[in-house]
Amino acid sequence: MNKLKKHWGINSNTQAVIILLVFAVNGTLSALLSRFLLKTLQVNKANFSNLIYYIFSFLFLTLVYFLLLSITSRVFGQGDFFRNFAKKSLKHVGLHHFIL
């Protein structure tokens, strides 16, 4: 836990647990919501090739993940930490300018 706290630049075990909880809640909600959106838009393997279906799935999941991350992190009081996390993550693909 100490290595994780040092890597994240935090001091509190409580904050580390809250951050892990945000990751868990956000990941679960993102998967459920993106699956719902794909079904609603009828994006499935019957209507699209496997490649197109998986591309759409990845894009939806990624988009929903980062949108929900800003909401769930604020609900748990960790908005600043996750804003920086999102910027670092999106910087790798050149989209970090879209995070407020």
PDB file of N, CA and C in Angstrom:
ATOM      1  N   MET A   1       0.821  -1.191   0.000  1.00  0.00           N
ATOM      2  CA  MET A   1       0.000   0.000   0.000  1.00  0.00           C
ATOM      3  C   MET A   1       0.864   1.255   0.000  1.00  0.00           C
ATOM      4  N   ASN A   2       2.017   1.184   0.671  1.00  0.00           N
ATOM      5  CA  ASN A   2       2.887   2.358   0.732  1.00  0.00           C
ATOM      6  C   ASN A   2       3.441   2.727  -0.639  1.00  0.00           C
ATOM      7  N   LYS A   3       3.776   1.722  -1.453  1.00  0.00           N
ATOM      8  CA  LYS A   3       4.264   2.004  -2.811  1.00  0.00           C
ATOM      9  C   LYS A   3       3.186   2.686  -3.637  1.00  0.00           C
ATOM     10  N   LEU A   4       1.960   2.227  -3.478  1.00  0.00           N
ATOM     11  CA  LEU A   4       0.840   2.810  -4.208  1.00  0.00           C
ATOM     12  C   LEU A   4       0.601   4.256  -3.767  1.00  0.00           C
ATOM     13  N   LYS A   5       0.643   4.495  -2.485  1.00  0.00           N
ATOM     14  CA  LYS A   5       0.455   5.856  -1.969  1.00  0.00           C
ATOM     15  C   LYS A   5       1.574   6.773  -2.468  1.00  0.00           C
ATOM     16  N   LYS A   6       2.791   6.272  -2.475  1.00  0.00           N
ATOM     17  CA  LYS A   6       3.919   7.080  -2.958  1.00  0.00           C
ATOM     18  C   LYS A   6       3.763   7.378  -4.443  1.00  0.00           C
ATOM     19  N   HIS A   7       3.378   6.364  -5.222  1.00  0.00           N
ATOM     20  CA  HIS A   7       3.187   6.539  -6.662  1.00  0.00           C
ATOM     21  C   HIS A   7       2.094   7.571  -6.956  1.00  0.00           C
ATOM     22  N   TRP A   8       1.027   7.523  -6.192  1.00  0.00           N
ATOM     23  CA  TRP A   8      -0.103   8.446  -6.392  1.00  0.00           C
ATOM     24  C   TRP A   8       0.128   9.804  -5.739  1.00  0.00           C
ATOM     25  N   GLY A   9       1.137   9.933  -4.895  1.00  0.00           N
ATOM     26  CA  GLY A   9       1.417  11.194  -4.232  1.00  0.00           C
ATOM     27  C   GLY A   9       0.417  11.533  -3.138  1.00  0.00           C
ATOM     28  N   ILE A  10      -0.019  10.514  -2.413  1.00  0.00           N
ATOM     29  CA  ILE A  10      -0.960  10.727  -1.307  1.00  0.00           C
ATOM     30  C   ILE A  10      -0.339  10.185  -0.022  1.00  0.00           C
ATOM     31  N   ASN A  11      -0.889  10.599   1.118  1.00  0.00           N
ATOM     32  CA  ASN A  11      -0.337  10.175   2.400  1.00  0.00           C
ATOM     33  C   ASN A  11      -1.281   9.304   3.206  1.00  0.00           C
ATOM     34  N   SER A  12      -2.551   9.387   2.933  1.00  0.00           N
ATOM     35  CA  SER A  12      -3.568   8.765   3.767  1.00  0.00           C
ATOM     36  C   SER A  12      -4.009   7.402   3.234  1.00  0.00           C
ATOM     37  N   ASN A  13      -4.113   6.431   4.136  1.00  0.00           N
ATOM     38  CA  ASN A  13      -4.674   5.131   3.765  1.00  0.00           C
ATOM     39  C   ASN A  13      -6.142   5.277   3.383  1.00  0.00           C
ATOM     40  N   THR A  14      -6.832   6.179   4.067  1.00  0.00           N
ATOM     41  CA  THR A  14      -8.252   6.405   3.765  1.00  0.00           C
ATOM     42  C   THR A  14      -8.415   6.913   2.344  1.00  0.00           C
ATOM     43  N   GLN A  15      -7.589   7.857   1.932  1.00  0.00           N
ATOM     44  CA  GLN A  15      -7.668   8.372   0.567  1.00  0.00           C
ATOM     45  C   GLN A  15      -7.339   7.277  -0.438  1.00  0.00           C
ATOM     46  N   ALA A  16      -6.390   6.421  -0.139  1.00  0.00           N
ATOM     47  CA  ALA A  16      -6.048   5.314  -1.038  1.00  0.00           C
ATOM     48  C   ALA A  16      -7.238   4.370  -1.207  1.00  0.00           C
ATOM     49  N   VAL A  17      -7.928   4.070  -0.113  1.00  0.00           N
ATOM     50  CA  VAL A  17      -9.098   3.193  -0.186  1.00  0.00           C
ATOM     51  C   VAL A  17     -10.209   3.856  -0.994  1.00  0.00           C
ATOM     52  N   ILE A  18     -10.411   5.151  -0.789  1.00  0.00           N
ATOM     53  CA  ILE A  18     -11.445   5.876  -1.548  1.00  0.00           C
ATOM     54  C   ILE A  18     -11.110   5.867  -3.039  1.00  0.00           C
ATOM     55  N   ILE A  19      -9.847   6.070  -3.379  1.00  0.00           N
ATOM     56  CA  ILE A  19      -9.429   6.058  -4.788  1.00  0.00           C
ATOM     57  C   ILE A  19      -9.672   4.680  -5.400  1.00  0.00           C
ATOM     58  N   LEU A  20      -9.323   3.633  -4.681  1.00  0.00           N
ATOM     59  CA  LEU A  20      -9.588   2.278  -5.181  1.00  0.00           C
ATOM     60  C   LEU A  20     -11.081   2.026  -5.339  1.00  0.00           C
ATOM     61  N   LEU A  21     -11.870   2.554  -4.428  1.00  0.00           N
ATOM     62  CA  LEU A  21     -13.323   2.424  -4.514  1.00  0.00           C
ATOM     63  C   LEU A  21     -13.867   3.154  -5.740  1.00  0.00           C
ATOM     64  N   VAL A  22     -13.341   4.338  -6.015  1.00  0.00           N
ATOM     65  CA  VAL A  22     -13.761   5.085  -7.205  1.00  0.00           C
ATOM     66  C   VAL A  22     -13.430   4.291  -8.464  1.00  0.00           C
ATOM     67  N   PHE A  23     -12.237   3.705  -8.525  1.00  0.00           N
ATOM     68  CA  PHE A  23     -11.870   2.886  -9.680  1.00  0.00           C
ATOM     69  C   PHE A  23     -12.851   1.726  -9.852  1.00  0.00           C
ATOM     70  N   ALA A  24     -13.197   1.069  -8.763  1.00  0.00           N
ATOM     71  CA  ALA A  24     -14.104  -0.084  -8.825  1.00  0.00           C
ATOM     72  C   ALA A  24     -15.504   0.322  -9.261  1.00  0.00           C
ATOM     73  N   VAL A  25     -16.046   1.352  -8.631  1.00  0.00           N
ATOM     74  CA  VAL A  25     -17.398   1.807  -8.957  1.00  0.00           C
ATOM     75  C   VAL A  25     -17.449   2.319 -10.389  1.00  0.00           C
ATOM     76  N   ASN A  26     -16.468   3.114 -10.755  1.00  0.00           N
ATOM     77  CA  ASN A  26     -16.463   3.696 -12.095  1.00  0.00           C
ATOM     78  C   ASN A  26     -16.303   2.628 -13.173  1.00  0.00           C
ATOM     79  N   GLY A  27     -15.450   1.659 -12.959  1.00  0.00           N
ATOM     80  CA  GLY A  27     -15.268   0.595 -13.942  1.00  0.00           C
ATOM     81  C   GLY A  27     -16.532  -0.217 -14.141  1.00  0.00           C
ATOM     82  N   THR A  28     -17.195  -0.540 -13.045  1.00  0.00           N
ATOM     83  CA  THR A  28     -18.439  -1.312 -13.134  1.00  0.00           C
ATOM     84  C   THR A  28     -19.532  -0.522 -13.831  1.00  0.00           C
ATOM     85  N   LEU A  29     -19.729   0.730 -13.416  1.00  0.00           N
ATOM     86  CA  LEU A  29     -20.758   1.563 -14.046  1.00  0.00           C
ATOM     87  C   LEU A  29     -20.469   1.787 -15.523  1.00  0.00           C
ATOM     88  N   SER A  30     -19.213   1.975 -15.868  1.00  0.00           N
ATOM     89  CA  SER A  30     -18.839   2.201 -17.266  1.00  0.00           C
ATOM     90  C   SER A  30     -19.165   0.992 -18.127  1.00  0.00           C
ATOM     91  N   ALA A  31     -18.857  -0.184 -17.633  1.00  0.00           N
ATOM     92  CA  ALA A  31     -19.147  -1.404 -18.392  1.00  0.00           C
ATOM     93  C   ALA A  31     -20.648  -1.577 -18.578  1.00  0.00           C
ATOM     94  N   LEU A  32     -21.416  -1.363 -17.515  1.00  0.00           N
ATOM     95  CA  LEU A  32     -22.866  -1.515 -17.604  1.00  0.00           C
ATOM     96  C   LEU A  32     -23.489  -0.482 -18.532  1.00  0.00           C
ATOM     97  N   LEU A  33     -23.075   0.774 -18.406  1.00  0.00           N
ATOM     98  CA  LEU A  33     -23.649   1.829 -19.225  1.00  0.00           C
ATOM     99  C   LEU A  33     -23.255   1.694 -20.693  1.00  0.00           C
ATOM    100  N   SER A  34     -22.016   1.355 -20.963  1.00  0.00           N
ATOM    101  CA  SER A  34     -21.606   1.210 -22.365  1.00  0.00           C
ATOM    102  C   SER A  34     -22.300   0.009 -23.007  1.00  0.00           C
ATOM    103  N   ARG A  35     -22.499  -1.067 -22.256  1.00  0.00           N
ATOM    104  CA  ARG A  35     -23.242  -2.217 -22.771  1.00  0.00           C
ATOM    105  C   ARG A  35     -24.687  -1.823 -23.082  1.00  0.00           C
ATOM    106  N   PHE A  36     -25.294  -1.046 -22.188  1.00  0.00           N
ATOM    107  CA  PHE A  36     -26.659  -0.571 -22.403  1.00  0.00           C
ATOM    108  C   PHE A  36     -26.742   0.309 -23.652  1.00  0.00           C
ATOM    109  N   LEU A  37     -25.787   1.220 -23.819  1.00  0.00           N
ATOM    110  CA  LEU A  37     -25.782   2.097 -24.989  1.00  0.00           C
ATOM    111  C   LEU A  37     -25.602   1.309 -26.283  1.00  0.00           C
ATOM    112  N   LEU A  38     -24.733   0.326 -26.272  1.00  0.00           N
ATOM    113  CA  LEU A  38     -24.534  -0.501 -27.468  1.00  0.00           C
ATOM    114  C   LEU A  38     -25.816  -1.251 -27.825  1.00  0.00           C
ATOM    115  N   LYS A  39     -26.496  -1.795 -26.825  1.00  0.00           N
ATOM    116  CA  LYS A  39     -27.756  -2.495 -27.081  1.00  0.00           C
ATOM    117  C   LYS A  39     -28.820  -1.540 -27.595  1.00  0.00           C
ATOM    118  N   THR A  40     -28.897  -0.359 -26.982  1.00  0.00           N
ATOM    119  CA  THR A  40     -29.891   0.632 -27.384  1.00  0.00           C
ATOM    120  C   THR A  40     -29.677   1.071 -28.828  1.00  0.00           C
ATOM    121  N   LEU A  41     -28.439   1.247 -29.216  1.00  0.00           N
ATOM    122  CA  LEU A  41     -28.111   1.652 -30.583  1.00  0.00           C
ATOM    123  C   LEU A  41     -28.020   0.465 -31.539  1.00  0.00           C
ATOM    124  N   GLN A  42     -28.312  -0.718 -31.047  1.00  0.00           N
ATOM    125  CA  GLN A  42     -28.293  -1.966 -31.818  1.00  0.00           C
ATOM    126  C   GLN A  42     -26.938  -2.228 -32.472  1.00  0.00           C
ATOM    127  N   VAL A  43     -25.905  -1.937 -31.730  1.00  0.00           N
ATOM    128  CA  VAL A  43     -24.551  -2.271 -32.169  1.00  0.00           C
ATOM    129  C   VAL A  43     -24.248  -3.633 -31.571  1.00  0.00           C
ATOM    130  N   ASN A  44     -24.297  -4.653 -32.426  1.00  0.00           N
ATOM    131  CA  ASN A  44     -24.039  -6.018 -31.970  1.00  0.00           C
ATOM    132  C   ASN A  44     -23.372  -6.807 -33.091  1.00  0.00           C
ATOM    133  N   LYS A  45     -22.982  -8.019 -32.765  1.00  0.00           N
ATOM    134  CA  LYS A  45     -22.265  -8.846 -33.739  1.00  0.00           C
ATOM    135  C   LYS A  45     -23.157  -9.289 -34.893  1.00  0.00           C
ATOM    136  N   ALA A  46     -24.460  -9.279 -34.688  1.00  0.00           N
ATOM    137  CA  ALA A  46     -25.374  -9.655 -35.761  1.00  0.00           C
ATOM    138  C   ALA A  46     -25.465  -8.554 -36.820  1.00  0.00           C
ATOM    139  N   ASN A  47     -25.302  -7.299 -36.400  1.00  0.00           N
ATOM    140  CA  ASN A  47     -25.433  -6.168 -37.321  1.00  0.00           C
ATOM    141  C   ASN A  47     -24.101  -5.663 -37.872  1.00  0.00           C
ATOM    142  N   PHE A  48     -22.997  -6.011 -37.211  1.00  0.00           N
ATOM    143  CA  PHE A  48     -21.685  -5.523 -37.609  1.00  0.00           C
ATOM    144  C   PHE A  48     -20.684  -6.676 -37.571  1.00  0.00           C
ATOM    145  N   SER A  49     -19.597  -6.513 -38.291  1.00  0.00           N
ATOM    146  CA  SER A  49     -18.542  -7.515 -38.212  1.00  0.00           C
ATOM    147  C   SER A  49     -17.915  -7.472 -36.820  1.00  0.00           C
ATOM    148  N   ASN A  50     -17.204  -8.532 -36.454  1.00  0.00           N
ATOM    149  CA  ASN A  50     -16.561  -8.572 -35.136  1.00  0.00           C
ATOM    150  C   ASN A  50     -15.620  -7.398 -34.923  1.00  0.00           C
ATOM    151  N   LEU A  51     -14.849  -7.063 -35.936  1.00  0.00           N
ATOM    152  CA  LEU A  51     -13.894  -5.970 -35.823  1.00  0.00           C
ATOM    153  C   LEU A  51     -14.602  -4.650 -35.531  1.00  0.00           C
ATOM    154  N   ILE A  52     -15.624  -4.343 -36.297  1.00  0.00           N
ATOM    155  CA  ILE A  52     -16.368  -3.092 -36.094  1.00  0.00           C
ATOM    156  C   ILE A  52     -17.040  -3.094 -34.731  1.00  0.00           C
ATOM    157  N   TYR A  53     -17.626  -4.222 -34.341  1.00  0.00           N
ATOM    158  CA  TYR A  53     -18.290  -4.322 -33.045  1.00  0.00           C
ATOM    159  C   TYR A  53     -17.303  -4.042 -31.911  1.00  0.00           C
ATOM    160  N   TYR A  54     -16.122  -4.639 -31.959  1.00  0.00           N
ATOM    161  CA  TYR A  54     -15.135  -4.433 -30.897  1.00  0.00           C
ATOM    162  C   TYR A  54     -14.557  -3.022 -30.902  1.00  0.00           C
ATOM    163  N   ILE A  55     -14.430  -2.425 -32.055  1.00  0.00           N
ATOM    164  CA  ILE A  55     -13.983  -1.028 -32.124  1.00  0.00           C
ATOM    165  C   ILE A  55     -15.012  -0.126 -31.458  1.00  0.00           C
ATOM    166  N   PHE A  56     -16.294  -0.311 -31.822  1.00  0.00           N
ATOM    167  CA  PHE A  56     -17.353   0.470 -31.181  1.00  0.00           C
ATOM    168  C   PHE A  56     -17.378   0.229 -29.668  1.00  0.00           C
ATOM    169  N   SER A  57     -17.246  -1.011 -29.263  1.00  0.00           N
ATOM    170  CA  SER A  57     -17.258  -1.342 -27.840  1.00  0.00           C
ATOM    171  C   SER A  57     -16.138  -0.628 -27.106  1.00  0.00           C
ATOM    172  N   PHE A  58     -14.945  -0.672 -27.670  1.00  0.00           N
ATOM    173  CA  PHE A  58     -13.798  -0.013 -27.046  1.00  0.00           C
ATOM    174  C   PHE A  58     -14.007   1.496 -26.963  1.00  0.00           C
ATOM    175  N   LEU A  59     -14.482   2.095 -28.057  1.00  0.00           N
ATOM    176  CA  LEU A  59     -14.697   3.541 -28.066  1.00  0.00           C
ATOM    177  C   LEU A  59     -15.777   3.955 -27.066  1.00  0.00           C
ATOM    178  N   PHE A  60     -16.893   3.221 -27.043  1.00  0.00           N
ATOM    179  CA  PHE A  60     -17.958   3.534 -26.092  1.00  0.00           C
ATOM    180  C   PHE A  60     -17.465   3.387 -24.663  1.00  0.00           C
ATOM    181  N   LEU A  61     -16.786   2.291 -24.377  1.00  0.00           N
ATOM    182  CA  LEU A  61     -16.312   2.048 -23.019  1.00  0.00           C
ATOM    183  C   LEU A  61     -15.331   3.130 -22.581  1.00  0.00           C
ATOM    184  N   THR A  62     -14.423   3.504 -23.449  1.00  0.00           N
ATOM    185  CA  THR A  62     -13.449   4.540 -23.123  1.00  0.00           C
ATOM    186  C   THR A  62     -14.123   5.887 -22.883  1.00  0.00           C
ATOM    187  N   LEU A  63     -15.024   6.255 -23.769  1.00  0.00           N
ATOM    188  CA  LEU A  63     -15.729   7.524 -23.627  1.00  0.00           C
ATOM    189  C   LEU A  63     -16.557   7.555 -22.349  1.00  0.00           C
ATOM    190  N   VAL A  64     -17.328   6.509 -22.121  1.00  0.00           N
ATOM    191  CA  VAL A  64     -18.170   6.442 -20.928  1.00  0.00           C
ATOM    192  C   VAL A  64     -17.305   6.420 -19.672  1.00  0.00           C
ATOM    193  N   TYR A  65     -16.198   5.695 -19.701  1.00  0.00           N
ATOM    194  CA  TYR A  65     -15.314   5.612 -18.531  1.00  0.00           C
ATOM    195  C   TYR A  65     -14.846   6.992 -18.094  1.00  0.00           C
ATOM    196  N   PHE A  66     -14.327   7.777 -19.031  1.00  0.00           N
ATOM    197  CA  PHE A  66     -13.777   9.074 -18.656  1.00  0.00           C
ATOM    198  C   PHE A  66     -14.868  10.086 -18.317  1.00  0.00           C
ATOM    199  N   LEU A  67     -16.035   9.983 -18.937  1.00  0.00           N
ATOM    200  CA  LEU A  67     -17.142  10.864 -18.559  1.00  0.00           C
ATOM    201  C   LEU A  67     -17.634  10.549 -17.152  1.00  0.00           C
ATOM    202  N   LEU A  68     -17.816   9.273 -16.854  1.00  0.00           N
ATOM    203  CA  LEU A  68     -18.263   8.887 -15.521  1.00  0.00           C
ATOM    204  C   LEU A  68     -17.192   9.122 -14.463  1.00  0.00           C
ATOM    205  N   LEU A  69     -15.940   9.051 -14.855  1.00  0.00           N
ATOM    206  CA  LEU A  69     -14.855   9.269 -13.899  1.00  0.00           C
ATOM    207  C   LEU A  69     -14.934  10.663 -13.288  1.00  0.00           C
ATOM    208  N   SER A  70     -15.275  11.649 -14.100  1.00  0.00           N
ATOM    209  CA  SER A  70     -15.385  13.005 -13.561  1.00  0.00           C
ATOM    210  C   SER A  70     -16.546  13.119 -12.576  1.00  0.00           C
ATOM    211  N   ILE A  71     -17.598  12.352 -12.790  1.00  0.00           N
ATOM    212  CA  ILE A  71     -18.751  12.387 -11.883  1.00  0.00           C
ATOM    213  C   ILE A  71     -18.467  11.601 -10.610  1.00  0.00           C
ATOM    214  N   THR A  72     -18.048  10.342 -10.750  1.00  0.00           N
ATOM    215  CA  THR A  72     -17.846   9.503  -9.568  1.00  0.00           C
ATOM    216  C   THR A  72     -16.710  10.035  -8.688  1.00  0.00           C
ATOM    217  N   SER A  73     -15.690  10.602  -9.301  1.00  0.00           N
ATOM    218  CA  SER A  73     -14.584  11.130  -8.487  1.00  0.00           C
ATOM    219  C   SER A  73     -15.034  12.324  -7.660  1.00  0.00           C
ATOM    220  N   ARG A  74     -15.911  13.129  -8.195  1.00  0.00           N
ATOM    221  CA  ARG A  74     -16.412  14.277  -7.429  1.00  0.00           C
ATOM    222  C   ARG A  74     -17.363  13.835  -6.330  1.00  0.00           C
ATOM    223  N   VAL A  75     -18.161  12.807  -6.604  1.00  0.00           N
ATOM    224  CA  VAL A  75     -19.070  12.282  -5.581  1.00  0.00           C
ATOM    225  C   VAL A  75     -18.274  11.797  -4.372  1.00  0.00           C
ATOM    226  N   PHE A  76     -17.126  11.184  -4.629  1.00  0.00           N
ATOM    227  CA  PHE A  76     -16.290  10.655  -3.545  1.00  0.00           C
ATOM    228  C   PHE A  76     -15.252  11.667  -3.050  1.00  0.00           C
ATOM    229  N   GLY A  77     -15.307  12.900  -3.562  1.00  0.00           N
ATOM    230  CA  GLY A  77     -14.401  13.947  -3.090  1.00  0.00           C
ATOM    231  C   GLY A  77     -12.982  13.832  -3.589  1.00  0.00           C
ATOM    232  N   GLN A  78     -12.775  13.184  -4.716  1.00  0.00           N
ATOM    233  CA  GLN A  78     -11.421  12.987  -5.250  1.00  0.00           C
ATOM    234  C   GLN A  78     -11.269  13.574  -6.656  1.00  0.00           C
ATOM    235  N   GLY A  79     -11.997  14.650  -6.929  1.00  0.00           N
ATOM    236  CA  GLY A  79     -11.984  15.261  -8.263  1.00  0.00           C
ATOM    237  C   GLY A  79     -10.606  15.681  -8.730  1.00  0.00           C
ATOM    238  N   ASP A  80      -9.828  16.304  -7.846  1.00  0.00           N
ATOM    239  CA  ASP A  80      -8.496  16.782  -8.238  1.00  0.00           C
ATOM    240  C   ASP A  80      -7.570  15.628  -8.607  1.00  0.00           C
ATOM    241  N   PHE A  81      -7.581  14.572  -7.800  1.00  0.00           N
ATOM    242  CA  PHE A  81      -6.719  13.427  -8.080  1.00  0.00           C
ATOM    243  C   PHE A  81      -7.069  12.816  -9.441  1.00  0.00           C
ATOM    244  N   PHE A  82      -8.352  12.618  -9.698  1.00  0.00           N
ATOM    245  CA  PHE A  82      -8.752  11.949 -10.927  1.00  0.00           C
ATOM    246  C   PHE A  82      -8.686  12.853 -12.152  1.00  0.00           C
ATOM    247  N   ARG A  83      -8.753  14.155 -11.967  1.00  0.00           N
ATOM    248  CA  ARG A  83      -8.545  15.058 -13.098  1.00  0.00           C
ATOM    249  C   ARG A  83      -7.107  14.892 -13.593  1.00  0.00           C
ATOM    250  N   ASN A  84      -6.168  14.846 -12.657  1.00  0.00           N
ATOM    251  CA  ASN A  84      -4.761  14.640 -13.025  1.00  0.00           C
ATOM    252  C   ASN A  84      -4.550  13.253 -13.621  1.00  0.00           C
ATOM    253  N   PHE A  85      -5.209  12.248 -13.056  1.00  0.00           N
ATOM    254  CA  PHE A  85      -5.116  10.891 -13.587  1.00  0.00           C
ATOM    255  C   PHE A  85      -5.630  10.837 -15.028  1.00  0.00           C
ATOM    256  N   ALA A  86      -6.775  11.474 -15.285  1.00  0.00           N
ATOM    257  CA  ALA A  86      -7.351  11.467 -16.628  1.00  0.00           C
ATOM    258  C   ALA A  86      -6.439  12.195 -17.613  1.00  0.00           C
ATOM    259  N   LYS A  87      -5.864  13.311 -17.187  1.00  0.00           N
ATOM    260  CA  LYS A  87      -4.952  14.045 -18.069  1.00  0.00           C
ATOM    261  C   LYS A  87      -3.750  13.192 -18.444  1.00  0.00           C
ATOM    262  N   LYS A  88      -3.175  12.505 -17.451  1.00  0.00           N
ATOM    263  CA  LYS A  88      -2.026  11.648 -17.736  1.00  0.00           C
ATOM    264  C   LYS A  88      -2.418  10.512 -18.675  1.00  0.00           C
ATOM    265  N   SER A  89      -3.575   9.917 -18.434  1.00  0.00           N
ATOM    266  CA  SER A  89      -4.020   8.791 -19.259  1.00  0.00           C
ATOM    267  C   SER A  89      -4.297   9.231 -20.691  1.00  0.00           C
ATOM    268  N   LEU A  90      -4.990  10.350 -20.842  1.00  0.00           N
ATOM    269  CA  LEU A  90      -5.354  10.817 -22.178  1.00  0.00           C
ATOM    270  C   LEU A  90      -4.191  11.465 -22.918  1.00  0.00           C
ATOM    271  N   LYS A  91      -3.164  11.864 -22.184  1.00  0.00           N
ATOM    272  CA  LYS A  91      -1.989  12.455 -22.827  1.00  0.00           C
ATOM    273  C   LYS A  91      -1.301  11.440 -23.741  1.00  0.00           C
ATOM    274  N   HIS A  92      -1.398  10.174 -23.368  1.00  0.00           N
ATOM    275  CA  HIS A  92      -0.766   9.121 -24.168  1.00  0.00           C
ATOM    276  C   HIS A  92      -1.378   9.006 -25.556  1.00  0.00           C
ATOM    277  N   VAL A  93      -2.632   9.422 -25.702  1.00  0.00           N
ATOM    278  CA  VAL A  93      -3.291   9.350 -27.017  1.00  0.00           C
ATOM    279  C   VAL A  93      -3.562  10.741 -27.581  1.00  0.00           C
ATOM    280  N   GLY A  94      -3.032  11.773 -26.933  1.00  0.00           N
ATOM    281  CA  GLY A  94      -3.145  13.130 -27.451  1.00  0.00           C
ATOM    282  C   GLY A  94      -4.477  13.805 -27.196  1.00  0.00           C
ATOM    283  N   LEU A  95      -5.254  13.328 -26.240  1.00  0.00           N
ATOM    284  CA  LEU A  95      -6.571  13.910 -25.977  1.00  0.00           C
ATOM    285  C   LEU A  95      -6.650  14.625 -24.635  1.00  0.00           C
ATOM    286  N   HIS A  96      -5.529  14.923 -24.005  1.00  0.00           N
ATOM    287  CA  HIS A  96      -5.529  15.510 -22.668  1.00  0.00           C
ATOM    288  C   HIS A  96      -6.061  16.939 -22.641  1.00  0.00           C
ATOM    289  N   HIS A  97      -6.187  17.611 -23.770  1.00  0.00           N
ATOM    290  CA  HIS A  97      -6.692  18.975 -23.810  1.00  0.00           C
ATOM    291  C   HIS A  97      -8.194  19.040 -23.575  1.00  0.00           C
ATOM    292  N   PHE A  98      -8.881  17.893 -23.655  1.00  0.00           N
ATOM    293  CA  PHE A  98     -10.327  17.861 -23.514  1.00  0.00           C
ATOM    294  C   PHE A  98     -10.791  17.687 -22.078  1.00  0.00           C
ATOM    295  N   ILE A  99      -9.879  17.545 -21.134  1.00  0.00           N
ATOM    296  CA  ILE A  99     -10.221  17.385 -19.730  1.00  0.00           C
ATOM    297  C   ILE A  99     -10.177  18.751 -19.065  1.00  0.00           C
ATOM    298  N   LEU A 100     -11.223  19.091 -18.359  1.00  0.00           N
ATOM    299  CA  LEU A 100     -11.284  20.390 -17.662  1.00  0.00           C
ATOM    300  C   LEU A 100     -10.605  20.324 -16.324  1.00  0.00           C
TER     301      LEU A 100
END
